[in-house]
Structure formats: C-alpha cells, structure tokens
Amino acid sequence: MYALILAGGKGTRLYPLSRAKNPKQFLKIINNKSFLRNTVDRIKPLVSKDNIYVVTNKEYIDKVYAELPEIDKKNIFVEPENKETSTFNI
C-alpha cells in the first residue's frame, strides 16, 4: 500500500490563520502537531514510511523536510507549478 499526501497549498483556504509563509498543512491547531504531521501519524500504522510520498511546492520543501524527518527525501516531490488541483469549475 502507498500513500500520497498533497501538501502544496498556498495558504488561502484557512485565512486568516493560514498564510503564504505558513499554509494550513503546517498549522498546529490540533494536539500541537501540524496537519501534515497528524496525517503522517494517522497513516503510519497502515503504510510503511518507505511508501509514504508527499507532493509540495518549492516554497515549502524545506518545511516538509523539517516536519517529516523520517520520510526519505526521495519520497518528497516538488510540483513544477501550482495547478490548484483541489478546485474545479463547473
């Protein structure tokens, strides 16, 4: 089993808490852990850390490395540009 975590948001959806320099995936609202950290902690019983992948953007790559030191850097991808993949127009 594999897990892919999308963590490339720009900090606009949880305004005013979330900002470009600290988007929601890095906010520590629940149990003093970031949403990203909580997500990884929840899936670790199901998925080997070697099979956990994270996609982020270039502005946040160092923050992801710091937040998830147990995840191999080769499993963390930088998206070439933000495509707002979680939104769509009808």
PDB file of N, CA and C in Angstrom:
ATOM      1  N   MET A   1       0.836  -1.166   0.000  1.00  0.00           N
ATOM      2  CA  MET A   1       0.000   0.000   0.000  1.00  0.00           C
ATOM      3  C   MET A   1       0.888   1.239   0.000  1.00  0.00           C
ATOM      4  N   TYR A   2       0.423   2.275  -0.695  1.00  0.00           N
ATOM      5  CA  TYR A   2       1.131   3.537  -0.786  1.00  0.00           C
ATOM      6  C   TYR A   2       0.211   4.669  -0.320  1.00  0.00           C
ATOM      7  N   ALA A   3       0.827   5.750   0.115  1.00  0.00           N
ATOM      8  CA  ALA A   3       0.080   6.951   0.474  1.00  0.00           C
ATOM      9  C   ALA A   3       0.716   8.135  -0.232  1.00  0.00           C
ATOM     10  N   LEU A   4      -0.116   8.980  -0.803  1.00  0.00           N
ATOM     11  CA  LEU A   4       0.333  10.216  -1.431  1.00  0.00           C
ATOM     12  C   LEU A   4      -0.366  11.369  -0.727  1.00  0.00           C
ATOM     13  N   ILE A   5       0.432  12.239  -0.139  1.00  0.00           N
ATOM     14  CA  ILE A   5      -0.101  13.384   0.593  1.00  0.00           C
ATOM     15  C   ILE A   5       0.144  14.640  -0.235  1.00  0.00           C
ATOM     16  N   LEU A   6      -0.927  15.355  -0.524  1.00  0.00           N
ATOM     17  CA  LEU A   6      -0.824  16.608  -1.264  1.00  0.00           C
ATOM     18  C   LEU A   6      -0.661  17.741  -0.255  1.00  0.00           C
ATOM     19  N   ALA A   7       0.492  18.391  -0.283  1.00  0.00           N
ATOM     20  CA  ALA A   7       0.795  19.431   0.712  1.00  0.00           C
ATOM     21  C   ALA A   7       1.390  20.656   0.038  1.00  0.00           C
ATOM     22  N   GLY A   8       0.758  21.096  -1.036  1.00  0.00           N
ATOM     23  CA  GLY A   8       1.311  22.224  -1.786  1.00  0.00           C
ATOM     24  C   GLY A   8       0.484  23.476  -1.724  1.00  0.00           C
ATOM     25  N   GLY A   9      -0.504  23.520  -0.837  1.00  0.00           N
ATOM     26  CA  GLY A   9      -1.390  24.680  -0.756  1.00  0.00           C
ATOM     27  C   GLY A   9      -0.660  25.986  -0.507  1.00  0.00           C
ATOM     28  N   LYS A  10      -1.272  27.071  -0.944  1.00  0.00           N
ATOM     29  CA  LYS A  10      -0.643  28.391  -0.846  1.00  0.00           C
ATOM     30  C   LYS A  10      -1.074  29.197   0.368  1.00  0.00           C
ATOM     31  N   GLY A  11      -1.910  28.645   1.206  1.00  0.00           N
ATOM     32  CA  GLY A  11      -2.288  29.356   2.416  1.00  0.00           C
ATOM     33  C   GLY A  11      -3.461  30.292   2.260  1.00  0.00           C
ATOM     34  N   THR A  12      -4.388  29.972   1.339  1.00  0.00           N
ATOM     35  CA  THR A  12      -5.519  30.867   1.115  1.00  0.00           C
ATOM     36  C   THR A  12      -6.841  30.312   1.629  1.00  0.00           C
ATOM     37  N   ARG A  13      -6.935  29.040   1.902  1.00  0.00           N
ATOM     38  CA  ARG A  13      -8.224  28.440   2.229  1.00  0.00           C
ATOM     39  C   ARG A  13      -8.601  28.495   3.706  1.00  0.00           C
ATOM     40  N   LEU A  14      -7.681  28.695   4.585  1.00  0.00           N
ATOM     41  CA  LEU A  14      -7.988  28.754   6.014  1.00  0.00           C
ATOM     42  C   LEU A  14      -7.593  30.137   6.567  1.00  0.00           C
ATOM     43  N   TYR A  15      -7.758  31.147   5.737  1.00  0.00           N
ATOM     44  CA  TYR A  15      -7.469  32.524   6.129  1.00  0.00           C
ATOM     45  C   TYR A  15      -8.371  32.909   7.307  1.00  0.00           C
ATOM     46  N   PRO A  16      -7.929  33.622   8.285  1.00  0.00           N
ATOM     47  CA  PRO A  16      -6.661  34.320   8.394  1.00  0.00           C
ATOM     48  C   PRO A  16      -5.556  33.532   9.088  1.00  0.00           C
ATOM     49  N   LEU A  17      -5.854  32.316   9.548  1.00  0.00           N
ATOM     50  CA  LEU A  17      -4.802  31.529  10.208  1.00  0.00           C
ATOM     51  C   LEU A  17      -3.714  31.118   9.231  1.00  0.00           C
ATOM     52  N   SER A  18      -4.133  30.721   8.061  1.00  0.00           N
ATOM     53  CA  SER A  18      -3.222  30.217   7.042  1.00  0.00           C
ATOM     54  C   SER A  18      -2.773  31.365   6.146  1.00  0.00           C
ATOM     55  N   ARG A  19      -1.484  31.461   5.951  1.00  0.00           N
ATOM     56  CA  ARG A  19      -0.897  32.497   5.099  1.00  0.00           C
ATOM     57  C   ARG A  19       0.134  31.864   4.179  1.00  0.00           C
ATOM     58  N   ALA A  20       0.590  32.597   3.186  1.00  0.00           N
ATOM     59  CA  ALA A  20       1.540  32.066   2.211  1.00  0.00           C
ATOM     60  C   ALA A  20       2.807  31.516   2.882  1.00  0.00           C
ATOM     61  N   LYS A  21       3.284  32.180   3.917  1.00  0.00           N
ATOM     62  CA  LYS A  21       4.508  31.709   4.577  1.00  0.00           C
ATOM     63  C   LYS A  21       4.259  30.543   5.531  1.00  0.00           C
ATOM     64  N   ASN A  22       3.008  30.348   5.915  1.00  0.00           N
ATOM     65  CA  ASN A  22       2.668  29.249   6.824  1.00  0.00           C
ATOM     66  C   ASN A  22       1.271  28.723   6.471  1.00  0.00           C
ATOM     67  N   PRO A  23       1.173  27.960   5.371  1.00  0.00           N
ATOM     68  CA  PRO A  23      -0.135  27.459   4.934  1.00  0.00           C
ATOM     69  C   PRO A  23      -0.684  26.390   5.868  1.00  0.00           C
ATOM     70  N   LYS A  24      -1.930  26.015   5.636  1.00  0.00           N
ATOM     71  CA  LYS A  24      -2.646  25.167   6.590  1.00  0.00           C
ATOM     72  C   LYS A  24      -1.957  23.845   6.883  1.00  0.00           C
ATOM     73  N   GLN A  25      -1.237  23.258   5.933  1.00  0.00           N
ATOM     74  CA  GLN A  25      -0.597  21.972   6.215  1.00  0.00           C
ATOM     75  C   GLN A  25       0.445  22.063   7.331  1.00  0.00           C
ATOM     76  N   PHE A  26       0.911  23.278   7.636  1.00  0.00           N
ATOM     77  CA  PHE A  26       1.902  23.456   8.699  1.00  0.00           C
ATOM     78  C   PHE A  26       1.315  24.058   9.977  1.00  0.00           C
ATOM     79  N   LEU A  27       0.030  24.369   9.970  1.00  0.00           N
ATOM     80  CA  LEU A  27      -0.603  24.929  11.172  1.00  0.00           C
ATOM     81  C   LEU A  27      -0.720  23.872  12.263  1.00  0.00           C
ATOM     82  N   LYS A  28      -0.519  24.302  13.487  1.00  0.00           N
ATOM     83  CA  LYS A  28      -0.621  23.411  14.645  1.00  0.00           C
ATOM     84  C   LYS A  28      -1.856  23.787  15.439  1.00  0.00           C
ATOM     85  N   ILE A  29      -2.976  23.270  15.013  1.00  0.00           N
ATOM     86  CA  ILE A  29      -4.254  23.600  15.647  1.00  0.00           C
ATOM     87  C   ILE A  29      -4.703  22.488  16.579  1.00  0.00           C
ATOM     88  N   ILE A  30      -4.437  21.251  16.208  1.00  0.00           N
ATOM     89  CA  ILE A  30      -4.862  20.088  16.984  1.00  0.00           C
ATOM     90  C   ILE A  30      -3.634  19.440  17.617  1.00  0.00           C
ATOM     91  N   ASN A  31      -3.663  19.187  18.890  1.00  0.00           N
ATOM     92  CA  ASN A  31      -2.628  18.489  19.669  1.00  0.00           C
ATOM     93  C   ASN A  31      -1.201  19.004  19.431  1.00  0.00           C
ATOM     94  N   ASN A  32      -1.072  20.269  19.122  1.00  0.00           N
ATOM     95  CA  ASN A  32       0.225  20.915  18.915  1.00  0.00           C
ATOM     96  C   ASN A  32       1.078  20.239  17.842  1.00  0.00           C
ATOM     97  N   LYS A  33       0.417  19.578  16.894  1.00  0.00           N
ATOM     98  CA  LYS A  33       1.096  18.999  15.731  1.00  0.00           C
ATOM     99  C   LYS A  33       0.458  19.579  14.481  1.00  0.00           C
ATOM    100  N   SER A  34       1.262  19.726  13.432  1.00  0.00           N
ATOM    101  CA  SER A  34       0.724  20.277  12.191  1.00  0.00           C
ATOM    102  C   SER A  34      -0.248  19.286  11.541  1.00  0.00           C
ATOM    103  N   PHE A  35      -1.079  19.810  10.643  1.00  0.00           N
ATOM    104  CA  PHE A  35      -1.975  18.931   9.892  1.00  0.00           C
ATOM    105  C   PHE A  35      -1.163  17.887   9.121  1.00  0.00           C
ATOM    106  N   LEU A  36      -0.029  18.296   8.563  1.00  0.00           N
ATOM    107  CA  LEU A  36       0.827  17.359   7.829  1.00  0.00           C
ATOM    108  C   LEU A  36       1.346  16.260   8.752  1.00  0.00           C
ATOM    109  N   ARG A  37       1.849  16.641   9.896  1.00  0.00           N
ATOM    110  CA  ARG A  37       2.364  15.664  10.862  1.00  0.00           C
ATOM    111  C   ARG A  37       1.256  14.711  11.316  1.00  0.00           C
ATOM    112  N   ASN A  38       0.078  15.250  11.624  1.00  0.00           N
ATOM    113  CA  ASN A  38      -1.041  14.407  12.031  1.00  0.00           C
ATOM    114  C   ASN A  38      -1.444  13.431  10.929  1.00  0.00           C
ATOM    115  N   THR A  39      -1.406  13.875   9.686  1.00  0.00           N
ATOM    116  CA  THR A  39      -1.748  12.987   8.569  1.00  0.00           C
ATOM    117  C   THR A  39      -0.775  11.827   8.491  1.00  0.00           C
ATOM    118  N   VAL A  40       0.505  12.118   8.562  1.00  0.00           N
ATOM    119  CA  VAL A  40       1.511  11.046   8.510  1.00  0.00           C
ATOM    120  C   VAL A  40       1.355  10.119   9.706  1.00  0.00           C
ATOM    121  N   ASP A  41       1.143  10.662  10.880  1.00  0.00           N
ATOM    122  CA  ASP A  41       0.976   9.822  12.073  1.00  0.00           C
ATOM    123  C   ASP A  41      -0.230   8.889  11.945  1.00  0.00           C
ATOM    124  N   ARG A  42      -1.313   9.381  11.326  1.00  0.00           N
ATOM    125  CA  ARG A  42      -2.509   8.548  11.154  1.00  0.00           C
ATOM    126  C   ARG A  42      -2.287   7.401  10.172  1.00  0.00           C
ATOM    127  N   ILE A  43      -1.497   7.634   9.124  1.00  0.00           N
ATOM    128  CA  ILE A  43      -1.332   6.579   8.117  1.00  0.00           C
ATOM    129  C   ILE A  43      -0.168   5.634   8.403  1.00  0.00           C
ATOM    130  N   LYS A  44       0.735   6.009   9.304  1.00  0.00           N
ATOM    131  CA  LYS A  44       1.895   5.151   9.598  1.00  0.00           C
ATOM    132  C   LYS A  44       1.523   3.737  10.062  1.00  0.00           C
ATOM    133  N   PRO A  45       0.433   3.532  10.783  1.00  0.00           N
ATOM    134  CA  PRO A  45       0.086   2.147  11.130  1.00  0.00           C
ATOM    135  C   PRO A  45      -0.350   1.317   9.916  1.00  0.00           C
ATOM    136  N   LEU A  46      -0.726   1.988   8.840  1.00  0.00           N
ATOM    137  CA  LEU A  46      -1.226   1.289   7.655  1.00  0.00           C
ATOM    138  C   LEU A  46      -0.220   1.192   6.520  1.00  0.00           C
ATOM    139  N   VAL A  47       0.679   2.177   6.451  1.00  0.00           N
ATOM    140  CA  VAL A  47       1.588   2.292   5.310  1.00  0.00           C
ATOM    141  C   VAL A  47       3.013   2.447   5.826  1.00  0.00           C
ATOM    142  N   SER A  48       3.913   1.671   5.270  1.00  0.00           N
ATOM    143  CA  SER A  48       5.326   1.793   5.624  1.00  0.00           C
ATOM    144  C   SER A  48       5.824   3.192   5.286  1.00  0.00           C
ATOM    145  N   LYS A  49       6.721   3.731   6.114  1.00  0.00           N
ATOM    146  CA  LYS A  49       7.244   5.066   5.844  1.00  0.00           C
ATOM    147  C   LYS A  49       7.945   5.127   4.496  1.00  0.00           C
ATOM    148  N   ASP A  50       8.439   3.997   4.010  1.00  0.00           N
ATOM    149  CA  ASP A  50       9.077   3.954   2.692  1.00  0.00           C
ATOM    150  C   ASP A  50       8.071   4.110   1.562  1.00  0.00           C
ATOM    151  N   ASN A  51       6.796   3.932   1.866  1.00  0.00           N
ATOM    152  CA  ASN A  51       5.743   4.046   0.851  1.00  0.00           C
ATOM    153  C   ASN A  51       4.871   5.285   1.047  1.00  0.00           C
ATOM    154  N   ILE A  52       5.355   6.216   1.855  1.00  0.00           N
ATOM    155  CA  ILE A  52       4.648   7.483   2.031  1.00  0.00           C
ATOM    156  C   ILE A  52       5.340   8.525   1.152  1.00  0.00           C
ATOM    157  N   TYR A  53       4.543   9.164   0.301  1.00  0.00           N
ATOM    158  CA  TYR A  53       5.046  10.181  -0.613  1.00  0.00           C
ATOM    159  C   TYR A  53       4.314  11.491  -0.343  1.00  0.00           C
ATOM    160  N   VAL A  54       5.048  12.591  -0.516  1.00  0.00           N
ATOM    161  CA  VAL A  54       4.474  13.912  -0.285  1.00  0.00           C
ATOM    162  C   VAL A  54       4.768  14.766  -1.516  1.00  0.00           C
ATOM    163  N   VAL A  55       3.739  15.492  -1.948  1.00  0.00           N
ATOM    164  CA  VAL A  55       3.911  16.454  -3.032  1.00  0.00           C
ATOM    165  C   VAL A  55       3.706  17.841  -2.445  1.00  0.00           C
ATOM    166  N   THR A  56       4.653  18.733  -2.691  1.00  0.00           N
ATOM    167  CA  THR A  56       4.563  20.095  -2.186  1.00  0.00           C
ATOM    168  C   THR A  56       5.085  21.038  -3.254  1.00  0.00           C
ATOM    169  N   ASN A  57       5.151  22.315  -2.960  1.00  0.00           N
ATOM    170  CA  ASN A  57       5.749  23.226  -3.932  1.00  0.00           C
ATOM    171  C   ASN A  57       7.098  23.695  -3.420  1.00  0.00           C
ATOM    172  N   LYS A  58       7.859  24.327  -4.291  1.00  0.00           N
ATOM    173  CA  LYS A  58       9.252  24.643  -3.959  1.00  0.00           C
ATOM    174  C   LYS A  58       9.396  25.547  -2.741  1.00  0.00           C
ATOM    175  N   GLU A  59       8.387  26.380  -2.472  1.00  0.00           N
ATOM    176  CA  GLU A  59       8.482  27.278  -1.316  1.00  0.00           C
ATOM    177  C   GLU A  59       8.472  26.506   0.009  1.00  0.00           C
ATOM    178  N   TYR A  60       7.906  25.311   0.015  1.00  0.00           N
ATOM    179  CA  TYR A  60       7.703  24.586   1.273  1.00  0.00           C
ATOM    180  C   TYR A  60       8.558  23.338   1.425  1.00  0.00           C
ATOM    181  N   ILE A  61       9.420  23.071   0.476  1.00  0.00           N
ATOM    182  CA  ILE A  61      10.187  21.817   0.522  1.00  0.00           C
ATOM    183  C   ILE A  61      10.996  21.697   1.823  1.00  0.00           C
ATOM    184  N   ASP A  62      11.659  22.761   2.242  1.00  0.00           N
ATOM    185  CA  ASP A  62      12.451  22.697   3.483  1.00  0.00           C
ATOM    186  C   ASP A  62      11.569  22.503   4.707  1.00  0.00           C
ATOM    187  N   LYS A  63      10.375  23.105   4.707  1.00  0.00           N
ATOM    188  CA  LYS A  63       9.447  22.924   5.825  1.00  0.00           C
ATOM    189  C   LYS A  63       8.969  21.472   5.893  1.00  0.00           C
ATOM    190  N   VAL A  64       8.722  20.862   4.749  1.00  0.00           N
ATOM    191  CA  VAL A  64       8.291  19.458   4.731  1.00  0.00           C
ATOM    192  C   VAL A  64       9.424  18.573   5.237  1.00  0.00           C
ATOM    193  N   TYR A  65      10.657  18.827   4.780  1.00  0.00           N
ATOM    194  CA  TYR A  65      11.800  18.046   5.272  1.00  0.00           C
ATOM    195  C   TYR A  65      11.904  18.146   6.792  1.00  0.00           C
ATOM    196  N   ALA A  66      11.752  19.352   7.319  1.00  0.00           N
ATOM    197  CA  ALA A  66      11.856  19.559   8.770  1.00  0.00           C
ATOM    198  C   ALA A  66      10.705  18.897   9.516  1.00  0.00           C
ATOM    199  N   GLU A  67       9.513  18.955   8.953  1.00  0.00           N
ATOM    200  CA  GLU A  67       8.323  18.405   9.606  1.00  0.00           C
ATOM    201  C   GLU A  67       8.305  16.879   9.584  1.00  0.00           C
ATOM    202  N   LEU A  68       8.896  16.283   8.538  1.00  0.00           N
ATOM    203  CA  LEU A  68       8.834  14.830   8.354  1.00  0.00           C
ATOM    204  C   LEU A  68      10.233  14.239   8.166  1.00  0.00           C
ATOM    205  N   PRO A  69      11.082  14.316   9.180  1.00  0.00           N
ATOM    206  CA  PRO A  69      12.461  13.840   9.011  1.00  0.00           C
ATOM    207  C   PRO A  69      12.568  12.344   8.737  1.00  0.00           C
ATOM    208  N   GLU A  70      11.542  11.569   9.107  1.00  0.00           N
ATOM    209  CA  GLU A  70      11.608  10.117   8.893  1.00  0.00           C
ATOM    210  C   GLU A  70      11.253   9.709   7.464  1.00  0.00           C
ATOM    211  N   ILE A  71      10.716  10.638   6.684  1.00  0.00           N
ATOM    212  CA  ILE A  71      10.365  10.343   5.298  1.00  0.00           C
ATOM    213  C   ILE A  71      11.578  10.638   4.418  1.00  0.00           C
ATOM    214  N   ASP A  72      11.993   9.653   3.650  1.00  0.00           N
ATOM    215  CA  ASP A  72      13.153   9.804   2.772  1.00  0.00           C
ATOM    216  C   ASP A  72      12.929  10.967   1.809  1.00  0.00           C
ATOM    217  N   LYS A  73      13.949  11.780   1.621  1.00  0.00           N
ATOM    218  CA  LYS A  73      13.826  12.952   0.749  1.00  0.00           C
ATOM    219  C   LYS A  73      13.452  12.567  -0.681  1.00  0.00           C
ATOM    220  N   LYS A  74      13.800  11.367  -1.094  1.00  0.00           N
ATOM    221  CA  LYS A  74      13.430  10.946  -2.451  1.00  0.00           C
ATOM    222  C   LYS A  74      11.921  10.703  -2.568  1.00  0.00           C
ATOM    223  N   ASN A  75      11.228  10.638  -1.447  1.00  0.00           N
ATOM    224  CA  ASN A  75       9.779  10.441  -1.441  1.00  0.00           C
ATOM    225  C   ASN A  75       9.010  11.762  -1.359  1.00  0.00           C
ATOM    226  N   ILE A  76       9.736  12.861  -1.405  1.00  0.00           N
ATOM    227  CA  ILE A  76       9.100  14.173  -1.345  1.00  0.00           C
ATOM    228  C   ILE A  76       9.336  14.867  -2.683  1.00  0.00           C
ATOM    229  N   PHE A  77       8.242  15.141  -3.373  1.00  0.00           N
ATOM    230  CA  PHE A  77       8.303  15.704  -4.712  1.00  0.00           C
ATOM    231  C   PHE A  77       7.898  17.170  -4.702  1.00  0.00           C
ATOM    232  N   VAL A  78       8.524  17.923  -5.589  1.00  0.00           N
ATOM    233  CA  VAL A  78       8.170  19.326  -5.769  1.00  0.00           C
ATOM    234  C   VAL A  78       7.378  19.440  -7.057  1.00  0.00           C
ATOM    235  N   GLU A  79       6.155  19.992  -6.957  1.00  0.00           N
ATOM    236  CA  GLU A  79       5.362  20.195  -8.160  1.00  0.00           C
ATOM    237  C   GLU A  79       5.964  21.357  -8.941  1.00  0.00           C
ATOM    238  N   PRO A  80       6.024  21.239 -10.265  1.00  0.00           N
ATOM    239  CA  PRO A  80       6.669  22.286 -11.062  1.00  0.00           C
ATOM    240  C   PRO A  80       5.939  23.629 -11.012  1.00  0.00           C
ATOM    241  N   GLU A  81       4.626  23.596 -10.859  1.00  0.00           N
ATOM    242  CA  GLU A  81       3.856  24.822 -10.699  1.00  0.00           C
ATOM    243  C   GLU A  81       2.527  24.486 -10.046  1.00  0.00           C
ATOM    244  N   ASN A  82       1.977  25.473  -9.371  1.00  0.00           N
ATOM    245  CA  ASN A  82       0.714  25.261  -8.680  1.00  0.00           C
ATOM    246  C   ASN A  82      -0.416  25.206  -9.695  1.00  0.00           C
ATOM    247  N   LYS A  83      -1.206  24.135  -9.647  1.00  0.00           N
ATOM    248  CA  LYS A  83      -2.322  23.958 -10.582  1.00  0.00           C
ATOM    249  C   LYS A  83      -3.672  24.011  -9.896  1.00  0.00           C
ATOM    250  N   GLU A  84      -3.695  24.270  -8.577  1.00  0.00           N
ATOM    251  CA  GLU A  84      -4.956  24.282  -7.842  1.00  0.00           C
ATOM    252  C   GLU A  84      -5.771  23.021  -8.131  1.00  0.00           C
ATOM    253  N   THR A  85      -5.141  21.870  -7.977  1.00  0.00           N
ATOM    254  CA  THR A  85      -5.775  20.611  -8.322  1.00  0.00           C
ATOM    255  C   THR A  85      -6.947  20.247  -7.442  1.00  0.00           C
ATOM    256  N   SER A  86      -7.065  20.875  -6.292  1.00  0.00           N
ATOM    257  CA  SER A  86      -8.179  20.523  -5.424  1.00  0.00           C
ATOM    258  C   SER A  86      -9.423  21.347  -5.734  1.00  0.00           C
ATOM    259  N   THR A  87      -9.345  22.250  -6.682  1.00  0.00           N
ATOM    260  CA  THR A  87     -10.520  23.029  -7.067  1.00  0.00           C
ATOM    261  C   THR A  87     -10.863  22.766  -8.517  1.00  0.00           C
ATOM    262  N   PHE A  88     -12.109  22.996  -8.851  1.00  0.00           N
ATOM    263  CA  PHE A  88     -12.527  22.827 -10.240  1.00  0.00           C
ATOM    264  C   PHE A  88     -13.697  23.741 -10.528  1.00  0.00           C
ATOM    265  N   ASN A  89     -13.911  24.011 -11.783  1.00  0.00           N
ATOM    266  CA  ASN A  89     -15.029  24.850 -12.214  1.00  0.00           C
ATOM    267  C   ASN A  89     -16.032  24.011 -12.957  1.00  0.00           C
ATOM    268  N   ILE A  90     -17.299  24.271 -12.715  1.00  0.00           N
ATOM    269  CA  ILE A  90     -18.355  23.536 -13.418  1.00  0.00           C
ATOM    270  C   ILE A  90     -18.990  24.471 -14.430  1.00  0.00           C
TER     271      ILE A  90
END
